[in-house]
Amino acid sequence: MQLVPVPVLSPAPRTRSRTALVTSADRSFRQRISSILTGLRWQVREAEGGAQAWAETQAAVPEAMIVDSWLPDLDLAEFVKDFRASFPQVDLLSSGSTSAQDGSRGPYRQELLYALRRSQDTDTAAWNTAPDSPHADIVAGLPQPVASQASPPPQLGGVAPLPVKPDPPKALPIRVDLAISVVGPVSIERLPELVGNAPCMIEVSRRIRLVAARMTPVLIEGPTGSGKELVAEALHRLSARSRKAFVAINCAAIPEALLEAELFGHTRGAFTGAVQGRTGRIESADGGTLFLDEIGEMPLALQSKLLRFVESGELQRVGDNERVKVDVRIVAATHRPLALHTQTGEFRADLYYRLAVFLIRTPSLLEHAEDLSILVDHFMQKMGRDTPLKRLDQSAMDKLATHSWPGNVRELEHVLERGAILAGDEAVLTADEIDFGLSVN
């Protein structure tokens, strides 16, 4: 009797190096995928978000990438589209986007689908389910759904359909440490730096995510104390430049005579008092992000020099004849209406259009007054890290609600800090401790 050999899937040679990049904000998701792929002789790298995945791919292009159904920093559909255009050779799969399954299919697609299937069979986290609305519920510590019974692993020679994941649990309201209010569910679209669930705050987070991964210059406009530097820091954190320096300079805080040297650097003896050379802020931000706060206060003469740098990417230190090539992403901020100032000649129009390629506006506190209780809790919790935690009674909250807040969120933080000091050892702040500093007794 002659035996007929049964065809089997030949394993890849052990010398064959296959690399995969697993992208997810969920650490357990990354670990499950990595463990399965490692068992299949893959070399696995991990990324916590879209910007980091982009940077990892630029450093070393993998053969495949598995991306979770939601990214904490970028829109998944736009990320997939841009990634596919830049790296068409990478086999890209997503646990939630069907568009990510199109495009280049690598020779080991079956193994990737197998790893994704196995990881999802035991996945009980609501994190991996993409939100259906701007206010989808995602709160740490919620009751988790019971894991579905794992299906038998598919043979590597065939492609098994991905399982349908259970609906996420309904979020419970989060009660803050205040006796006077209940704070609703935290929006999944809101960045952690930006406290508040009002639509205008969600829009700021959305715009940050849209532009963070790009080199596009950003101009942040908003009233004093509305959190413009927090927006700039979020842009840097979510960009591929996050591992490099974030350098901030307040153009209004440095005398005009010294601002040029502070920005561009200077050589020894370039001016009186320059006993040694110094690297400027722009050069210090090489590879990272340069934040120019209060750009509207920059003198016109210096604006022209900044424009030359923005156009060429080269700077010239004060007192030096050589030019230095610097790679920075510029983010500027102002409380002034720069578009109007260009018409009066107070700000160079050509520089404005170079910096304002993408605009982000930070709202005043009155524009998102519904976030007052959330902000109060945030600042009280922040102060409670170093001193005993205090809370506000209803009379204190009522007094805060009647204020016009000309200094916006920064003023609120200072009023609460002042109140905590005035309260002394008392654990509760009343209306008597809420002092807006408008008059001297």
Protein backbone atom coordinates (compact mmCIF):
# COMPACT_ATOMS: atom_id res chain seq x y z
CA MET A 1 0.00 0.00 0.00
CA GLN A 2 1.46 3.28 -1.06
CA LEU A 3 1.06 6.24 1.29
CA VAL A 4 0.20 9.57 -0.28
CA PRO A 5 1.82 12.48 1.58
CA VAL A 6 -0.63 15.08 2.89
CA PRO A 7 0.35 18.66 1.90
CA VAL A 8 1.08 20.87 4.87
CA LEU A 9 1.96 24.51 5.26
CA SER A 10 5.75 24.81 5.27
CA PRO A 11 7.05 26.90 8.13
CA ALA A 12 9.25 29.86 7.37
CA PRO A 13 12.97 29.23 7.75
CA ARG A 14 14.22 30.08 11.19
CA THR A 15 16.78 32.40 9.67
CA ARG A 16 14.04 34.46 8.06
CA SER A 17 13.56 37.70 9.99
CA ARG A 18 9.96 38.96 10.02
CA THR A 19 9.17 42.16 11.86
CA ALA A 20 5.77 43.41 12.94
CA LEU A 21 4.69 46.62 14.63
CA VAL A 22 1.76 46.39 17.04
CA THR A 23 0.04 49.74 17.63
CA SER A 24 -2.43 50.19 20.45
CA ALA A 25 -2.97 52.34 23.53
CA ASP A 26 -4.06 49.15 25.31
CA ARG A 27 -1.00 47.51 26.79
CA SER A 28 -2.71 44.15 27.25
CA PHE A 29 -3.74 44.13 23.57
CA ARG A 30 -0.13 44.75 22.53
CA GLN A 31 1.14 42.03 24.86
CA ARG A 32 -1.34 39.43 23.59
CA ILE A 33 -0.50 40.10 19.95
CA SER A 34 3.24 40.23 20.65
CA SER A 35 3.17 36.94 22.55
CA ILE A 36 1.38 35.12 19.74
CA LEU A 37 3.55 36.56 16.97
CA THR A 38 6.73 35.86 18.91
CA GLY A 39 5.67 32.22 19.08
CA LEU A 40 5.40 32.30 15.30
CA ARG A 41 9.00 33.56 15.08
CA TRP A 42 8.20 37.22 14.46
CA GLN A 43 10.24 40.07 15.82
CA VAL A 44 7.72 42.45 17.37
CA ARG A 45 7.93 46.16 18.17
CA GLU A 46 5.23 48.12 19.94
CA ALA A 47 3.78 51.62 19.67
CA GLU A 48 1.28 53.31 21.98
CA GLY A 49 -0.25 55.58 19.33
CA GLY A 50 -0.26 56.65 15.72
CA ALA A 51 2.51 59.23 16.03
CA GLN A 52 4.86 56.75 17.69
CA ALA A 53 3.99 54.11 15.07
CA TRP A 54 4.83 56.60 12.34
CA ALA A 55 8.18 57.39 13.94
CA GLU A 56 8.98 53.69 14.45
CA THR A 57 8.20 52.93 10.81
CA GLN A 58 10.35 55.79 9.56
CA ALA A 59 13.24 54.47 11.67
CA ALA A 60 12.87 50.89 10.41
CA VAL A 61 10.09 49.78 8.07
CA PRO A 62 8.43 46.56 9.32
CA GLU A 63 6.90 43.90 7.10
CA ALA A 64 3.55 44.18 8.82
CA MET A 65 1.59 46.29 11.27
CA ILE A 66 -1.44 45.47 13.38
CA VAL A 67 -3.27 48.55 14.61
CA ASP A 68 -6.03 48.61 17.20
CA SER A 69 -9.54 49.81 16.36
CA TRP A 70 -8.95 53.19 18.07
CA LEU A 71 -5.90 55.42 18.37
CA PRO A 72 -5.51 57.84 21.29
CA ASP A 73 -3.88 60.56 19.22
CA LEU A 74 -4.95 60.26 15.57
CA ASP A 75 -8.08 59.47 13.59
CA LEU A 76 -7.80 55.82 12.57
CA ALA A 77 -9.19 56.23 9.05
CA GLU A 78 -6.89 59.15 8.24
CA PHE A 79 -3.91 57.38 9.79
CA VAL A 80 -4.56 54.26 7.67
CA LYS A 81 -4.93 56.36 4.52
CA ASP A 82 -1.70 58.34 5.09
CA PHE A 83 0.23 55.29 6.26
CA ARG A 84 -0.85 53.28 3.23
CA ALA A 85 0.25 56.08 0.90
CA SER A 86 3.67 56.42 2.57
CA PHE A 87 4.39 52.73 3.20
CA PRO A 88 2.45 50.71 0.59
CA GLN A 89 4.73 47.72 1.08
CA VAL A 90 3.68 47.18 4.70
CA ASP A 91 0.96 44.60 5.31
CA LEU A 92 -1.47 46.62 7.43
CA LEU A 93 -4.29 45.10 9.47
CA SER A 94 -6.66 46.65 11.97
CA SER A 95 -8.91 45.07 14.56
CA GLY A 96 -11.70 47.48 13.67
CA SER A 97 -11.17 49.15 10.26
CA THR A 98 -12.06 47.23 7.12
CA SER A 99 -10.21 49.79 5.00
CA ALA A 100 -6.98 48.73 6.67
CA GLN A 101 -7.37 45.22 5.24
CA ASP A 102 -7.07 46.54 1.67
CA GLY A 103 -3.78 47.25 -0.01
CA SER A 104 -0.58 45.25 0.17
CA ARG A 105 -1.02 41.68 1.41
CA GLY A 106 2.17 40.11 2.68
CA PRO A 107 3.01 36.41 2.37
CA TYR A 108 2.33 35.92 6.08
CA ARG A 109 -1.14 37.49 6.21
CA GLN A 110 -2.58 34.21 7.58
CA GLU A 111 -0.29 34.36 10.60
CA LEU A 112 -1.25 37.95 11.30
CA LEU A 113 -4.95 37.15 11.11
CA TYR A 114 -4.40 34.15 13.35
CA ALA A 115 -2.68 36.33 15.97
CA LEU A 116 -5.43 38.94 15.74
CA ARG A 117 -8.13 36.28 16.06
CA ARG A 118 -6.51 34.62 19.05
CA SER A 119 -5.99 37.95 20.84
CA GLN A 120 -9.61 38.97 20.34
CA ASP A 121 -10.99 35.64 21.53
CA THR A 122 -9.93 36.52 25.07
CA ASP A 123 -10.25 40.30 24.88
CA THR A 124 -12.61 41.73 27.48
CA ALA A 125 -11.57 45.39 27.35
CA ALA A 126 -13.97 48.09 26.23
CA TRP A 127 -10.92 50.13 25.17
CA ASN A 128 -10.60 48.27 21.87
CA THR A 129 -14.09 49.16 20.70
CA ALA A 130 -14.16 52.32 18.62
CA PRO A 131 -16.52 55.04 19.90
CA ASP A 132 -19.82 55.53 18.09
CA SER A 133 -20.30 59.16 19.17
CA PRO A 134 -18.23 62.09 20.43
CA HIS A 135 -19.31 61.26 23.97
CA ALA A 136 -18.77 57.50 23.93
CA ASP A 137 -18.18 56.10 27.38
CA ILE A 138 -14.74 54.88 28.28
CA VAL A 139 -13.91 54.97 31.95
CA ALA A 140 -11.20 53.00 33.71
CA GLY A 141 -12.49 50.60 36.30
CA LEU A 142 -15.87 49.90 34.71
CA PRO A 143 -17.35 46.40 35.04
CA GLN A 144 -16.01 44.36 32.16
CA PRO A 145 -18.08 42.02 29.96
CA VAL A 146 -17.64 38.30 30.42
CA ALA A 147 -15.13 36.92 27.95
CA SER A 148 -16.59 34.85 25.18
CA GLN A 149 -15.50 31.26 24.95
CA ALA A 150 -12.38 31.05 22.85
CA SER A 151 -12.78 29.42 19.46
CA PRO A 152 -10.32 26.76 18.35
CA PRO A 153 -7.29 28.29 16.62
CA PRO A 154 -7.54 28.21 12.83
CA GLN A 155 -5.09 26.33 10.66
CA LEU A 156 -2.46 28.67 9.27
CA GLY A 157 -3.35 27.58 5.76
CA GLY A 158 -6.78 29.24 5.89
CA VAL A 159 -8.20 32.60 6.86
CA ALA A 160 -10.82 32.50 9.60
CA PRO A 161 -13.31 35.35 10.02
CA LEU A 162 -12.64 37.74 12.88
CA PRO A 163 -15.07 37.37 15.80
CA VAL A 164 -17.66 40.01 16.54
CA LYS A 165 -16.69 41.76 19.75
CA PRO A 166 -19.30 42.34 22.47
CA ASP A 167 -20.77 45.79 22.94
CA PRO A 168 -18.93 47.91 25.53
CA PRO A 169 -20.57 48.32 28.92
CA LYS A 170 -22.50 51.46 29.71
CA ALA A 171 -20.37 53.98 31.57
CA LEU A 172 -21.38 54.91 35.08
CA PRO A 173 -21.32 58.59 36.08
CA ILE A 174 -18.07 59.66 37.70
CA ARG A 175 -18.64 61.47 41.00
CA VAL A 176 -15.97 64.03 41.74
CA ASP A 177 -14.66 64.89 45.18
CA LEU A 178 -17.06 67.83 45.49
CA ALA A 179 -20.19 67.88 47.57
CA ILE A 180 -22.02 69.98 45.03
CA SER A 181 -21.82 68.33 41.64
CA VAL A 182 -21.61 65.15 39.61
CA VAL A 183 -19.25 65.16 36.64
CA GLY A 184 -20.44 63.24 33.60
CA PRO A 185 -18.50 60.65 31.61
CA VAL A 186 -15.15 61.74 30.21
CA SER A 187 -15.28 62.09 26.44
CA ILE A 188 -13.06 59.62 24.62
CA GLU A 189 -12.08 62.40 22.18
CA ARG A 190 -10.73 64.76 24.85
CA LEU A 191 -6.98 64.85 25.38
CA PRO A 192 -5.83 64.50 28.99
CA GLU A 193 -4.12 67.91 28.95
CA LEU A 194 -7.36 69.71 28.12
CA VAL A 195 -9.79 69.52 31.02
CA GLY A 196 -13.42 69.91 30.01
CA ASN A 197 -16.10 68.10 28.03
CA ALA A 198 -17.75 71.12 26.42
CA PRO A 199 -18.04 70.90 22.60
CA CYS A 200 -15.53 73.72 22.10
CA MET A 201 -12.95 71.83 24.17
CA ILE A 202 -13.59 68.59 22.28
CA GLU A 203 -13.05 70.54 19.05
CA VAL A 204 -9.64 71.71 20.27
CA SER A 205 -8.65 68.09 20.97
CA ARG A 206 -9.93 67.03 17.57
CA ARG A 207 -7.88 69.65 15.75
CA ILE A 208 -4.77 68.73 17.73
CA ARG A 209 -5.11 65.09 16.70
CA LEU A 210 -5.63 66.02 13.05
CA VAL A 211 -2.42 68.04 12.75
CA ALA A 212 -0.09 66.61 15.42
CA ALA A 213 1.62 64.01 13.21
CA ARG A 214 2.35 66.50 10.43
CA MET A 215 5.11 69.07 10.01
CA THR A 216 2.48 71.77 9.41
CA PRO A 217 3.12 75.03 11.32
CA VAL A 218 0.35 75.74 13.83
CA LEU A 219 -0.88 79.07 15.19
CA ILE A 220 -2.78 78.92 18.49
CA GLU A 221 -5.05 81.89 19.15
CA GLY A 222 -6.91 82.49 22.38
CA PRO A 223 -7.28 84.81 25.36
CA THR A 224 -4.67 84.98 28.08
CA GLY A 225 -4.86 82.08 30.51
CA SER A 226 -6.85 79.79 28.21
CA GLY A 227 -4.19 77.05 27.94
CA LYS A 228 -2.34 77.81 24.72
CA GLU A 229 0.92 76.29 25.97
CA LEU A 230 -0.92 73.10 26.99
CA VAL A 231 -2.12 72.82 23.39
CA ALA A 232 1.45 73.26 22.12
CA GLU A 233 2.72 70.58 24.50
CA ALA A 234 -0.02 68.21 23.35
CA LEU A 235 0.94 68.81 19.71
CA HIS A 236 4.52 67.91 20.54
CA ARG A 237 3.59 64.86 22.64
CA LEU A 238 1.46 63.38 19.86
CA SER A 239 3.97 64.08 17.10
CA ALA A 240 6.81 61.95 15.80
CA ARG A 241 9.13 64.55 17.37
CA SER A 242 8.06 63.73 20.92
CA ARG A 243 11.41 62.12 21.75
CA LYS A 244 13.22 65.35 20.93
CA ALA A 245 13.14 68.68 22.74
CA PHE A 246 10.15 70.93 23.26
CA VAL A 247 11.60 74.44 23.53
CA ALA A 248 9.34 77.32 24.56
CA ILE A 249 10.15 81.01 24.49
CA ASN A 250 7.91 83.91 25.48
CA CYS A 251 8.53 86.66 22.95
CA ALA A 252 6.96 89.25 25.26
CA ALA A 253 9.10 88.42 28.28
CA ILE A 254 12.53 89.09 26.74
CA PRO A 255 13.80 92.61 25.94
CA GLU A 256 13.91 93.43 22.26
CA ALA A 257 17.68 93.93 22.35
CA LEU A 258 18.24 90.36 23.60
CA LEU A 259 15.48 88.49 21.82
CA GLU A 260 17.43 87.95 18.59
CA ALA A 261 20.41 86.44 20.42
CA GLU A 262 18.05 84.33 22.53
CA LEU A 263 16.38 82.93 19.44
CA PHE A 264 19.30 82.54 17.04
CA GLY A 265 22.25 82.30 19.44
CA HIS A 266 25.44 84.33 19.32
CA THR A 267 29.19 84.01 19.11
CA ARG A 268 31.69 85.14 21.70
CA GLY A 269 32.12 88.92 21.61
CA ALA A 270 29.11 89.46 19.36
CA PHE A 271 27.94 92.23 21.68
CA THR A 272 28.83 93.75 25.03
CA GLY A 273 28.62 91.11 27.72
CA ALA A 274 28.86 88.15 25.33
CA VAL A 275 31.87 86.58 27.04
CA GLN A 276 31.16 83.23 25.43
CA GLY A 277 29.09 81.83 22.56
CA ARG A 278 25.64 80.47 23.15
CA THR A 279 23.28 78.18 21.27
CA GLY A 280 19.94 79.83 20.55
CA ARG A 281 16.51 78.44 21.37
CA ILE A 282 15.82 77.56 17.74
CA GLU A 283 18.95 75.47 17.44
CA SER A 284 18.24 73.84 20.82
CA ALA A 285 14.95 72.58 19.41
CA ASP A 286 16.63 70.81 16.46
CA GLY A 287 14.60 67.69 15.67
CA GLY A 288 11.83 68.77 18.03
CA THR A 289 9.28 71.53 18.45
CA LEU A 290 9.82 75.28 18.90
CA PHE A 291 6.98 77.06 20.72
CA LEU A 292 6.91 80.81 20.15
CA ASP A 293 4.52 82.17 22.77
CA GLU A 294 3.07 85.67 22.28
CA ILE A 295 4.44 85.85 18.76
CA GLY A 296 2.42 89.04 18.24
CA GLU A 297 4.83 90.89 20.55
CA MET A 298 7.86 90.17 18.36
CA PRO A 299 9.42 93.35 16.87
CA LEU A 300 8.97 93.86 13.13
CA ALA A 301 12.74 93.80 12.47
CA LEU A 302 13.04 90.39 14.11
CA GLN A 303 9.95 89.12 12.30
CA SER A 304 11.78 89.45 8.99
CA LYS A 305 14.70 87.38 10.30
CA LEU A 306 12.33 84.73 11.62
CA LEU A 307 10.62 84.67 8.23
CA ARG A 308 13.94 83.91 6.51
CA PHE A 309 14.48 80.98 8.86
CA VAL A 310 10.95 79.65 8.34
CA GLU A 311 11.43 79.77 4.57
CA SER A 312 14.94 78.31 4.39
CA GLY A 313 15.37 76.30 7.59
CA GLU A 314 18.72 78.01 8.08
CA LEU A 315 19.73 80.43 10.81
CA GLN A 316 22.68 82.73 11.35
CA ARG A 317 23.95 83.29 14.87
CA VAL A 318 24.51 86.87 15.94
CA GLY A 319 28.13 87.76 15.12
CA ASP A 320 28.63 84.73 12.85
CA ASN A 321 28.85 84.58 9.05
CA GLU A 322 28.05 80.88 8.71
CA ARG A 323 24.55 79.50 8.36
CA VAL A 324 23.30 76.51 10.33
CA LYS A 325 20.64 74.11 9.06
CA VAL A 326 18.04 73.37 11.74
CA ASP A 327 15.03 71.06 11.55
CA VAL A 328 12.22 72.26 13.83
CA ARG A 329 8.44 72.25 13.81
CA ILE A 330 7.16 75.73 14.72
CA VAL A 331 4.11 76.24 16.89
CA ALA A 332 3.22 79.86 17.68
CA ALA A 333 0.64 81.37 20.02
CA THR A 334 -0.92 84.77 20.54
CA HIS A 335 -3.77 86.48 22.33
CA ARG A 336 -3.87 89.17 19.65
CA PRO A 337 -5.96 89.06 16.43
CA LEU A 338 -2.92 88.73 14.16
CA ALA A 339 -4.99 88.69 10.97
CA LEU A 340 -6.19 92.20 11.79
CA HIS A 341 -2.71 93.33 12.78
CA THR A 342 -1.40 92.34 9.36
CA GLN A 343 -3.79 94.89 7.83
CA THR A 344 -2.49 97.68 10.07
CA GLY A 345 1.17 96.74 9.53
CA GLU A 346 1.75 95.71 13.15
CA PHE A 347 2.57 92.16 12.05
CA ARG A 348 4.12 90.98 8.81
CA ALA A 349 1.49 89.39 6.58
CA ASP A 350 3.97 87.04 4.92
CA LEU A 351 5.10 85.70 8.30
CA TYR A 352 1.50 85.37 9.46
CA TYR A 353 0.57 83.19 6.49
CA ARG A 354 3.68 81.07 7.08
CA LEU A 355 2.79 80.46 10.72
CA ALA A 356 -1.00 80.22 10.44
CA VAL A 357 -1.12 77.25 8.08
CA PHE A 358 -3.33 75.51 10.65
CA LEU A 359 -5.27 77.46 13.28
CA ILE A 360 -6.35 76.24 16.71
CA ARG A 361 -8.41 78.52 18.94
CA THR A 362 -8.52 78.03 22.70
CA PRO A 363 -11.85 79.18 24.18
CA SER A 364 -12.29 81.50 27.13
CA LEU A 365 -13.60 79.99 30.36
CA LEU A 366 -16.98 81.63 29.82
CA GLU A 367 -17.30 79.76 26.53
CA HIS A 368 -17.17 76.44 28.37
CA ALA A 369 -18.61 77.48 31.71
CA GLU A 370 -20.32 74.08 31.98
CA ASP A 371 -16.85 72.65 32.71
CA LEU A 372 -16.43 74.74 35.86
CA SER A 373 -17.03 71.87 38.30
CA ILE A 374 -14.68 69.58 36.34
CA LEU A 375 -11.96 72.23 36.38
CA VAL A 376 -12.46 72.90 40.09
CA ASP A 377 -12.06 69.23 40.88
CA HIS A 378 -8.99 68.99 38.64
CA PHE A 379 -7.20 71.86 40.38
CA MET A 380 -8.20 70.74 43.88
CA GLN A 381 -6.91 67.25 43.15
CA LYS A 382 -3.71 68.77 41.77
CA MET A 383 -3.15 70.79 44.97
CA GLY A 384 -4.02 67.72 47.02
CA ARG A 385 -0.87 65.97 45.83
CA ASP A 386 1.28 68.20 48.06
CA THR A 387 -1.19 69.39 50.72
CA PRO A 388 -4.28 67.89 52.39
CA LEU A 389 -7.12 67.59 49.91
CA LYS A 390 -9.84 70.22 50.27
CA ARG A 391 -13.26 70.62 48.69
CA LEU A 392 -15.75 73.41 48.03
CA ASP A 393 -19.23 73.79 49.46
CA GLN A 394 -22.23 75.00 47.49
CA SER A 395 -21.80 78.65 48.49
CA ALA A 396 -18.23 78.66 47.14
CA MET A 397 -19.32 77.10 43.85
CA ASP A 398 -22.16 79.60 43.51
CA LYS A 399 -19.73 82.46 43.97
CA LEU A 400 -17.39 81.02 41.33
CA ALA A 401 -20.30 80.65 38.91
CA THR A 402 -21.12 84.37 39.06
CA HIS A 403 -17.60 85.56 38.18
CA SER A 404 -16.74 86.76 34.67
CA TRP A 405 -13.24 85.17 34.64
CA PRO A 406 -11.19 87.73 32.69
CA GLY A 407 -8.10 85.64 33.42
CA ASN A 408 -9.79 82.42 32.30
CA VAL A 409 -8.63 79.00 33.50
CA ARG A 410 -5.36 80.34 34.87
CA GLU A 411 -7.29 82.79 37.05
CA LEU A 412 -9.51 79.97 38.33
CA GLU A 413 -6.46 77.99 39.39
CA HIS A 414 -5.03 80.98 41.27
CA VAL A 415 -8.37 81.76 42.97
CA LEU A 416 -8.62 78.17 44.20
CA GLU A 417 -5.03 78.17 45.42
CA ARG A 418 -5.65 81.45 47.25
CA GLY A 419 -8.81 80.00 48.79
CA ALA A 420 -7.03 76.88 49.97
CA ILE A 421 -4.45 79.05 51.74
CA LEU A 422 -7.11 81.26 53.33
CA ALA A 423 -8.99 78.18 54.57
CA GLY A 424 -6.00 77.18 56.69
CA ASP A 425 -6.61 73.79 58.28
CA GLU A 426 -10.27 73.68 57.26
CA ALA A 427 -11.10 70.91 54.80
CA VAL A 428 -13.97 72.81 53.16
CA LEU A 429 -13.73 76.10 51.27
CA THR A 430 -16.72 78.42 51.67
CA ALA A 431 -17.68 81.60 49.85
CA ASP A 432 -15.64 83.59 52.41
CA GLU A 433 -12.40 82.02 51.12
CA ILE A 434 -13.18 82.76 47.45
CA ASP A 435 -11.28 85.99 46.84
CA PHE A 436 -10.98 87.28 43.27
CA GLY A 437 -8.34 89.84 44.25
CA LEU A 438 -10.27 92.73 42.72
CA SER A 439 -9.78 95.02 45.69
CA VAL A 440 -7.50 95.43 48.68
CA ASN A 441 -9.18 95.42 52.09
